[in-house]
Amino acid sequence: MHWQWPARFPLVQFPNPPLIVALLADLGARASSGAGHRWMLALFYASMSVWAYEEARHGDNWFRRALGIGFAAYILVMLSRALRS
């Protein structure tokens, strides 16, 4: 059993591995520059994509699934902006 709140309709829960990797990659991207920064951003987007897919597909309730879909849309927008510049 993992930590989640509230227990009957979890809105918040302990981060799963893809989200932990994404958060660490975000910190690494903020602390680096050049090629290291780009690699950390790539890792961030890849791991956030996995997290968003997992939430959208296997979320505990409608809120968690909507959160996954929302973050998937956010990632698509951010990647399309990065490709245009």
PDB file of N, CA and C in Angstrom:
ATOM      1  N   MET A   1       0.845  -1.190   0.000  1.00  0.00           N
ATOM      2  CA  MET A   1       0.000   0.000   0.000  1.00  0.00           C
ATOM      3  C   MET A   1       0.880   1.240   0.000  1.00  0.00           C
ATOM      4  N   HIS A   2       0.579   2.168  -0.840  1.00  0.00           N
ATOM      5  CA  HIS A   2       1.345   3.403  -0.878  1.00  0.00           C
ATOM      6  C   HIS A   2       0.535   4.541  -0.264  1.00  0.00           C
ATOM      7  N   TRP A   3       1.221   5.602   0.073  1.00  0.00           N
ATOM      8  CA  TRP A   3       0.578   6.739   0.711  1.00  0.00           C
ATOM      9  C   TRP A   3      -0.232   7.496  -0.322  1.00  0.00           C
ATOM     10  N   GLN A   4      -1.469   7.823   0.034  1.00  0.00           N
ATOM     11  CA  GLN A   4      -2.316   8.649  -0.812  1.00  0.00           C
ATOM     12  C   GLN A   4      -3.303   9.407   0.065  1.00  0.00           C
ATOM     13  N   TRP A   5      -3.758  10.562  -0.436  1.00  0.00           N
ATOM     14  CA  TRP A   5      -4.677  11.378   0.327  1.00  0.00           C
ATOM     15  C   TRP A   5      -5.702  12.000  -0.597  1.00  0.00           C
ATOM     16  N   PRO A   6      -6.945  12.066  -0.225  1.00  0.00           N
ATOM     17  CA  PRO A   6      -7.601  11.256   0.792  1.00  0.00           C
ATOM     18  C   PRO A   6      -7.678   9.798   0.351  1.00  0.00           C
ATOM     19  N   ALA A   7      -7.853   8.917   1.287  1.00  0.00           N
ATOM     20  CA  ALA A   7      -7.767   7.482   1.009  1.00  0.00           C
ATOM     21  C   ALA A   7      -8.840   7.005   0.036  1.00  0.00           C
ATOM     22  N   ARG A   8     -10.045   7.537   0.125  1.00  0.00           N
ATOM     23  CA  ARG A   8     -11.136   7.039  -0.727  1.00  0.00           C
ATOM     24  C   ARG A   8     -11.122   7.620  -2.131  1.00  0.00           C
ATOM     25  N   PHE A   9     -10.554   8.802  -2.312  1.00  0.00           N
ATOM     26  CA  PHE A   9     -10.499   9.461  -3.624  1.00  0.00           C
ATOM     27  C   PHE A   9      -9.169  10.193  -3.721  1.00  0.00           C
ATOM     28  N   PRO A  10      -8.083   9.456  -4.006  1.00  0.00           N
ATOM     29  CA  PRO A  10      -6.751  10.068  -3.922  1.00  0.00           C
ATOM     30  C   PRO A  10      -6.523  11.192  -4.935  1.00  0.00           C
ATOM     31  N   LEU A  11      -6.203  12.344  -4.404  1.00  0.00           N
ATOM     32  CA  LEU A  11      -5.792  13.479  -5.213  1.00  0.00           C
ATOM     33  C   LEU A  11      -4.276  13.613  -5.195  1.00  0.00           C
ATOM     34  N   VAL A  12      -3.671  13.246  -4.082  1.00  0.00           N
ATOM     35  CA  VAL A  12      -2.226  13.336  -3.884  1.00  0.00           C
ATOM     36  C   VAL A  12      -1.740  11.965  -3.454  1.00  0.00           C
ATOM     37  N   GLN A  13      -0.609  11.551  -4.014  1.00  0.00           N
ATOM     38  CA  GLN A  13      -0.020  10.279  -3.598  1.00  0.00           C
ATOM     39  C   GLN A  13       1.496  10.375  -3.701  1.00  0.00           C
ATOM     40  N   PHE A  14       2.172   9.399  -3.114  1.00  0.00           N
ATOM     41  CA  PHE A  14       3.631   9.384  -3.173  1.00  0.00           C
ATOM     42  C   PHE A  14       4.055   9.255  -4.626  1.00  0.00           C
ATOM     43  N   PRO A  15       5.050  10.034  -5.081  1.00  0.00           N
ATOM     44  CA  PRO A  15       5.452   9.993  -6.485  1.00  0.00           C
ATOM     45  C   PRO A  15       5.934   8.606  -6.916  1.00  0.00           C
ATOM     46  N   ASN A  16       5.532   8.221  -8.124  1.00  0.00           N
ATOM     47  CA  ASN A  16       6.007   6.962  -8.679  1.00  0.00           C
ATOM     48  C   ASN A  16       7.352   7.205  -9.381  1.00  0.00           C
ATOM     49  N   PRO A  17       8.068   6.146  -9.770  1.00  0.00           N
ATOM     50  CA  PRO A  17       9.417   6.322 -10.336  1.00  0.00           C
ATOM     51  C   PRO A  17       9.510   7.296 -11.516  1.00  0.00           C
ATOM     52  N   PRO A  18       8.613   7.270 -12.525  1.00  0.00           N
ATOM     53  CA  PRO A  18       8.770   8.250 -13.606  1.00  0.00           C
ATOM     54  C   PRO A  18       8.667   9.699 -13.132  1.00  0.00           C
ATOM     55  N   LEU A  19       7.815   9.955 -12.153  1.00  0.00           N
ATOM     56  CA  LEU A  19       7.691  11.320 -11.654  1.00  0.00           C
ATOM     57  C   LEU A  19       8.924  11.723 -10.844  1.00  0.00           C
ATOM     58  N   ILE A  20       9.475  10.808 -10.086  1.00  0.00           N
ATOM     59  CA  ILE A  20      10.707  11.101  -9.341  1.00  0.00           C
ATOM     60  C   ILE A  20      11.838  11.436 -10.304  1.00  0.00           C
ATOM     61  N   VAL A  21      11.976  10.638 -11.369  1.00  0.00           N
ATOM     62  CA  VAL A  21      13.016  10.902 -12.375  1.00  0.00           C
ATOM     63  C   VAL A  21      12.784  12.269 -13.025  1.00  0.00           C
ATOM     64  N   ALA A  22      11.532  12.585 -13.347  1.00  0.00           N
ATOM     65  CA  ALA A  22      11.221  13.878 -13.965  1.00  0.00           C
ATOM     66  C   ALA A  22      11.583  15.036 -13.042  1.00  0.00           C
ATOM     67  N   LEU A  23      11.253  14.923 -11.778  1.00  0.00           N
ATOM     68  CA  LEU A  23      11.572  15.993 -10.835  1.00  0.00           C
ATOM     69  C   LEU A  23      13.080  16.171 -10.675  1.00  0.00           C
ATOM     70  N   LEU A  24      13.812  15.065 -10.607  1.00  0.00           N
ATOM     71  CA  LEU A  24      15.268  15.151 -10.505  1.00  0.00           C
ATOM     72  C   LEU A  24      15.883  15.711 -11.782  1.00  0.00           C
ATOM     73  N   ALA A  25      15.348  15.326 -12.945  1.00  0.00           N
ATOM     74  CA  ALA A  25      15.846  15.856 -14.217  1.00  0.00           C
ATOM     75  C   ALA A  25      15.568  17.348 -14.321  1.00  0.00           C
ATOM     76  N   ASP A  26      14.423  17.804 -13.814  1.00  0.00           N
ATOM     77  CA  ASP A  26      14.122  19.232 -13.815  1.00  0.00           C
ATOM     78  C   ASP A  26      15.137  19.988 -12.968  1.00  0.00           C
ATOM     79  N   LEU A  27      15.443  19.456 -11.802  1.00  0.00           N
ATOM     80  CA  LEU A  27      16.471  20.096 -10.958  1.00  0.00           C
ATOM     81  C   LEU A  27      17.821  20.119 -11.670  1.00  0.00           C
ATOM     82  N   GLY A  28      18.167  19.007 -12.325  1.00  0.00           N
ATOM     83  CA  GLY A  28      19.425  18.947 -13.068  1.00  0.00           C
ATOM     84  C   GLY A  28      19.452  19.933 -14.216  1.00  0.00           C
ATOM     85  N   ALA A  29      18.331  20.105 -14.914  1.00  0.00           N
ATOM     86  CA  ALA A  29      18.269  21.060 -16.028  1.00  0.00           C
ATOM     87  C   ALA A  29      18.433  22.487 -15.533  1.00  0.00           C
ATOM     88  N   ARG A  30      17.857  22.787 -14.380  1.00  0.00           N
ATOM     89  CA  ARG A  30      17.974  24.137 -13.830  1.00  0.00           C
ATOM     90  C   ARG A  30      19.396  24.450 -13.364  1.00  0.00           C
ATOM     91  N   ALA A  31      20.136  23.402 -12.995  1.00  0.00           N
ATOM     92  CA  ALA A  31      21.485  23.599 -12.460  1.00  0.00           C
ATOM     93  C   ALA A  31      22.577  23.451 -13.514  1.00  0.00           C
ATOM     94  N   SER A  32      22.201  23.181 -14.766  1.00  0.00           N
ATOM     95  CA  SER A  32      23.211  22.929 -15.787  1.00  0.00           C
ATOM     96  C   SER A  32      23.009  23.845 -16.982  1.00  0.00           C
ATOM     97  N   SER A  33      23.955  23.771 -17.892  1.00  0.00           N
ATOM     98  CA  SER A  33      23.862  24.542 -19.136  1.00  0.00           C
ATOM     99  C   SER A  33      24.464  23.710 -20.262  1.00  0.00           C
ATOM    100  N   GLY A  34      24.296  24.181 -21.479  1.00  0.00           N
ATOM    101  CA  GLY A  34      24.875  23.506 -22.626  1.00  0.00           C
ATOM    102  C   GLY A  34      24.251  22.143 -22.883  1.00  0.00           C
ATOM    103  N   ALA A  35      25.105  21.194 -23.257  1.00  0.00           N
ATOM    104  CA  ALA A  35      24.634  19.849 -23.598  1.00  0.00           C
ATOM    105  C   ALA A  35      24.000  19.148 -22.398  1.00  0.00           C
ATOM    106  N   GLY A  36      24.549  19.346 -21.212  1.00  0.00           N
ATOM    107  CA  GLY A  36      23.974  18.746 -20.012  1.00  0.00           C
ATOM    108  C   GLY A  36      22.553  19.219 -19.772  1.00  0.00           C
ATOM    109  N   HIS A  37      22.316  20.501 -20.009  1.00  0.00           N
ATOM    110  CA  HIS A  37      20.974  21.067 -19.859  1.00  0.00           C
ATOM    111  C   HIS A  37      20.010  20.413 -20.842  1.00  0.00           C
ATOM    112  N   ARG A  38      20.444  20.278 -22.089  1.00  0.00           N
ATOM    113  CA  ARG A  38      19.584  19.664 -23.108  1.00  0.00           C
ATOM    114  C   ARG A  38      19.293  18.209 -22.779  1.00  0.00           C
ATOM    115  N   TRP A  39      20.271  17.465 -22.282  1.00  0.00           N
ATOM    116  CA  TRP A  39      20.044  16.058 -21.902  1.00  0.00           C
ATOM    117  C   TRP A  39      19.081  15.956 -20.729  1.00  0.00           C
ATOM    118  N   MET A  40      19.221  16.852 -19.769  1.00  0.00           N
ATOM    119  CA  MET A  40      18.313  16.834 -18.627  1.00  0.00           C
ATOM    120  C   MET A  40      16.883  17.183 -19.057  1.00  0.00           C
ATOM    121  N   LEU A  41      16.741  18.131 -19.981  1.00  0.00           N
ATOM    122  CA  LEU A  41      15.408  18.460 -20.485  1.00  0.00           C
ATOM    123  C   LEU A  41      14.798  17.278 -21.236  1.00  0.00           C
ATOM    124  N   ALA A  42      15.605  16.597 -22.028  1.00  0.00           N
ATOM    125  CA  ALA A  42      15.109  15.421 -22.754  1.00  0.00           C
ATOM    126  C   ALA A  42      14.651  14.348 -21.771  1.00  0.00           C
ATOM    127  N   LEU A  43      15.429  14.123 -20.729  1.00  0.00           N
ATOM    128  CA  LEU A  43      15.046  13.146 -19.707  1.00  0.00           C
ATOM    129  C   LEU A  43      13.772  13.584 -18.987  1.00  0.00           C
ATOM    130  N   PHE A  44      13.659  14.880 -18.702  1.00  0.00           N
ATOM    131  CA  PHE A  44      12.460  15.408 -18.067  1.00  0.00           C
ATOM    132  C   PHE A  44      11.229  15.142 -18.929  1.00  0.00           C
ATOM    133  N   TYR A  45      11.289  15.512 -20.205  1.00  0.00           N
ATOM    134  CA  TYR A  45      10.131  15.312 -21.081  1.00  0.00           C
ATOM    135  C   TYR A  45       9.800  13.840 -21.274  1.00  0.00           C
ATOM    136  N   ALA A  46      10.814  12.996 -21.397  1.00  0.00           N
ATOM    137  CA  ALA A  46      10.566  11.563 -21.571  1.00  0.00           C
ATOM    138  C   ALA A  46       9.900  10.965 -20.332  1.00  0.00           C
ATOM    139  N   SER A  47      10.435  11.266 -19.167  1.00  0.00           N
ATOM    140  CA  SER A  47       9.868  10.685 -17.949  1.00  0.00           C
ATOM    141  C   SER A  47       8.501  11.284 -17.618  1.00  0.00           C
ATOM    142  N   MET A  48       8.285  12.575 -17.904  1.00  0.00           N
ATOM    143  CA  MET A  48       6.961  13.157 -17.696  1.00  0.00           C
ATOM    144  C   MET A  48       5.943  12.554 -18.661  1.00  0.00           C
ATOM    145  N   SER A  49       6.391  12.218 -19.865  1.00  0.00           N
ATOM    146  CA  SER A  49       5.493  11.572 -20.825  1.00  0.00           C
ATOM    147  C   SER A  49       5.056  10.204 -20.323  1.00  0.00           C
ATOM    148  N   VAL A  50       6.009   9.449 -19.770  1.00  0.00           N
ATOM    149  CA  VAL A  50       5.670   8.144 -19.203  1.00  0.00           C
ATOM    150  C   VAL A  50       4.711   8.317 -18.034  1.00  0.00           C
ATOM    151  N   TRP A  51       4.989   9.268 -17.159  1.00  0.00           N
ATOM    152  CA  TRP A  51       4.117   9.510 -16.013  1.00  0.00           C
ATOM    153  C   TRP A  51       2.710   9.904 -16.471  1.00  0.00           C
ATOM    154  N   ALA A  52       2.626  10.825 -17.441  1.00  0.00           N
ATOM    155  CA  ALA A  52       1.320  11.282 -17.918  1.00  0.00           C
ATOM    156  C   ALA A  52       0.541  10.124 -18.544  1.00  0.00           C
ATOM    157  N   TYR A  53       1.212   9.296 -19.322  1.00  0.00           N
ATOM    158  CA  TYR A  53       0.545   8.139 -19.918  1.00  0.00           C
ATOM    159  C   TYR A  53       0.026   7.197 -18.833  1.00  0.00           C
ATOM    160  N   GLU A  54       0.868   6.900 -17.856  1.00  0.00           N
ATOM    161  CA  GLU A  54       0.460   5.988 -16.776  1.00  0.00           C
ATOM    162  C   GLU A  54      -0.728   6.541 -16.002  1.00  0.00           C
ATOM    163  N   GLU A  55      -0.726   7.832 -15.723  1.00  0.00           N
ATOM    164  CA  GLU A  55      -1.856   8.434 -15.013  1.00  0.00           C
ATOM    165  C   GLU A  55      -3.112   8.411 -15.873  1.00  0.00           C
ATOM    166  N   ALA A  56      -2.976   8.774 -17.159  1.00  0.00           N
ATOM    167  CA  ALA A  56      -4.138   8.803 -18.041  1.00  0.00           C
ATOM    168  C   ALA A  56      -4.717   7.408 -18.248  1.00  0.00           C
ATOM    169  N   ARG A  57      -3.875   6.423 -18.304  1.00  0.00           N
ATOM    170  CA  ARG A  57      -4.326   5.058 -18.589  1.00  0.00           C
ATOM    171  C   ARG A  57      -4.732   4.291 -17.331  1.00  0.00           C
ATOM    172  N   HIS A  58      -3.988   4.479 -16.233  1.00  0.00           N
ATOM    173  CA  HIS A  58      -4.187   3.651 -15.038  1.00  0.00           C
ATOM    174  C   HIS A  58      -4.439   4.463 -13.769  1.00  0.00           C
ATOM    175  N   GLY A  59      -4.841   5.733 -13.905  1.00  0.00           N
ATOM    176  CA  GLY A  59      -5.080   6.564 -12.724  1.00  0.00           C
ATOM    177  C   GLY A  59      -6.155   5.983 -11.817  1.00  0.00           C
ATOM    178  N   ASP A  60      -6.051   6.256 -10.515  1.00  0.00           N
ATOM    179  CA  ASP A  60      -6.982   5.699  -9.525  1.00  0.00           C
ATOM    180  C   ASP A  60      -8.417   6.196  -9.682  1.00  0.00           C
ATOM    181  N   ASN A  61      -8.598   7.389 -10.251  1.00  0.00           N
ATOM    182  CA  ASN A  61      -9.941   7.955 -10.389  1.00  0.00           C
ATOM    183  C   ASN A  61      -9.949   8.926 -11.564  1.00  0.00           C
ATOM    184  N   TRP A  62     -11.099   9.532 -11.814  1.00  0.00           N
ATOM    185  CA  TRP A  62     -11.216  10.425 -12.962  1.00  0.00           C
ATOM    186  C   TRP A  62     -10.296  11.628 -12.844  1.00  0.00           C
ATOM    187  N   PHE A  63     -10.076  12.123 -11.624  1.00  0.00           N
ATOM    188  CA  PHE A  63      -9.203  13.276 -11.438  1.00  0.00           C
ATOM    189  C   PHE A  63      -7.771  12.943 -11.838  1.00  0.00           C
ATOM    190  N   ARG A  64      -7.263  11.793 -11.403  1.00  0.00           N
ATOM    191  CA  ARG A  64      -5.890  11.398 -11.737  1.00  0.00           C
ATOM    192  C   ARG A  64      -5.747  11.152 -13.238  1.00  0.00           C
ATOM    193  N   ARG A  65      -6.763  10.568 -13.871  1.00  0.00           N
ATOM    194  CA  ARG A  65      -6.716  10.347 -15.321  1.00  0.00           C
ATOM    195  C   ARG A  65      -6.742  11.684 -16.064  1.00  0.00           C
ATOM    196  N   ALA A  66      -7.573  12.623 -15.600  1.00  0.00           N
ATOM    197  CA  ALA A  66      -7.616  13.959 -16.221  1.00  0.00           C
ATOM    198  C   ALA A  66      -6.289  14.687 -16.037  1.00  0.00           C
ATOM    199  N   LEU A  67      -5.665  14.498 -14.882  1.00  0.00           N
ATOM    200  CA  LEU A  67      -4.356  15.099 -14.637  1.00  0.00           C
ATOM    201  C   LEU A  67      -3.328  14.574 -15.641  1.00  0.00           C
ATOM    202  N   GLY A  68      -3.349  13.272 -15.894  1.00  0.00           N
ATOM    203  CA  GLY A  68      -2.449  12.691 -16.883  1.00  0.00           C
ATOM    204  C   GLY A  68      -2.692  13.237 -18.276  1.00  0.00           C
ATOM    205  N   ILE A  69      -3.952  13.368 -18.666  1.00  0.00           N
ATOM    206  CA  ILE A  69      -4.286  13.912 -19.981  1.00  0.00           C
ATOM    207  C   ILE A  69      -3.853  15.378 -20.084  1.00  0.00           C
ATOM    208  N   GLY A  70      -4.064  16.128 -19.010  1.00  0.00           N
ATOM    209  CA  GLY A  70      -3.651  17.533 -18.992  1.00  0.00           C
ATOM    210  C   GLY A  70      -2.152  17.699 -19.133  1.00  0.00           C
ATOM    211  N   PHE A  71      -1.391  16.890 -18.422  1.00  0.00           N
ATOM    212  CA  PHE A  71       0.065  16.987 -18.534  1.00  0.00           C
ATOM    213  C   PHE A  71       0.557  16.493 -19.882  1.00  0.00           C
ATOM    214  N   ALA A  72      -0.114  15.515 -20.480  1.00  0.00           N
ATOM    215  CA  ALA A  72       0.257  15.069 -21.827  1.00  0.00           C
ATOM    216  C   ALA A  72       0.063  16.214 -22.817  1.00  0.00           C
ATOM    217  N   ALA A  73      -1.040  16.949 -22.695  1.00  0.00           N
ATOM    218  CA  ALA A  73      -1.281  18.106 -23.564  1.00  0.00           C
ATOM    219  C   ALA A  73      -0.217  19.179 -23.332  1.00  0.00           C
ATOM    220  N   TYR A  74       0.131  19.435 -22.072  1.00  0.00           N
ATOM    221  CA  TYR A  74       1.165  20.416 -21.740  1.00  0.00           C
ATOM    222  C   TYR A  74       2.500  20.029 -22.380  1.00  0.00           C
ATOM    223  N   ILE A  75       2.861  18.766 -22.302  1.00  0.00           N
ATOM    224  CA  ILE A  75       4.124  18.308 -22.873  1.00  0.00           C
ATOM    225  C   ILE A  75       4.115  18.496 -24.387  1.00  0.00           C
ATOM    226  N   LEU A  76       3.005  18.172 -25.040  1.00  0.00           N
ATOM    227  CA  LEU A  76       2.909  18.360 -26.487  1.00  0.00           C
ATOM    228  C   LEU A  76       3.065  19.832 -26.865  1.00  0.00           C
ATOM    229  N   VAL A  77       2.440  20.722 -26.129  1.00  0.00           N
ATOM    230  CA  VAL A  77       2.557  22.160 -26.406  1.00  0.00           C
ATOM    231  C   VAL A  77       3.998  22.620 -26.226  1.00  0.00           C
ATOM    232  N   MET A  78       4.629  22.219 -25.118  1.00  0.00           N
ATOM    233  CA  MET A  78       6.007  22.643 -24.857  1.00  0.00           C
ATOM    234  C   MET A  78       6.974  22.107 -25.909  1.00  0.00           C
ATOM    235  N   LEU A  79       6.788  20.858 -26.308  1.00  0.00           N
ATOM    236  CA  LEU A  79       7.669  20.282 -27.330  1.00  0.00           C
ATOM    237  C   LEU A  79       7.440  20.952 -28.689  1.00  0.00           C
ATOM    238  N   SER A  80       6.207  21.278 -29.023  1.00  0.00           N
ATOM    239  CA  SER A  80       5.967  21.940 -30.306  1.00  0.00           C
ATOM    240  C   SER A  80       6.578  23.340 -30.307  1.00  0.00           C
ATOM    241  N   ARG A  81       6.522  24.041 -29.187  1.00  0.00           N
ATOM    242  CA  ARG A  81       7.178  25.357 -29.083  1.00  0.00           C
ATOM    243  C   ARG A  81       8.693  25.224 -29.226  1.00  0.00           C
ATOM    244  N   ALA A  82       9.257  24.211 -28.609  1.00  0.00           N
ATOM    245  CA  ALA A  82      10.704  24.022 -28.689  1.00  0.00           C
ATOM    246  C   ALA A  82      11.136  23.680 -30.116  1.00  0.00           C
ATOM    247  N   LEU A  83      10.330  22.936 -30.828  1.00  0.00           N
ATOM    248  CA  LEU A  83      10.683  22.571 -32.197  1.00  0.00           C
ATOM    249  C   LEU A  83      10.543  23.735 -33.164  1.00  0.00           C
ATOM    250  N   ARG A  84       9.669  24.674 -32.860  1.00  0.00           N
ATOM    251  CA  ARG A  84       9.499  25.851 -33.724  1.00  0.00           C
ATOM    252  C   ARG A  84      10.610  26.874 -33.547  1.00  0.00           C
ATOM    253  N   SER A  85      11.259  26.896 -32.412  1.00  0.00           N
ATOM    254  CA  SER A  85      12.286  27.918 -32.171  1.00  0.00           C
ATOM    255  C   SER A  85      13.649  27.466 -32.602  1.00  0.00           C
TER     256      SER A  85
END
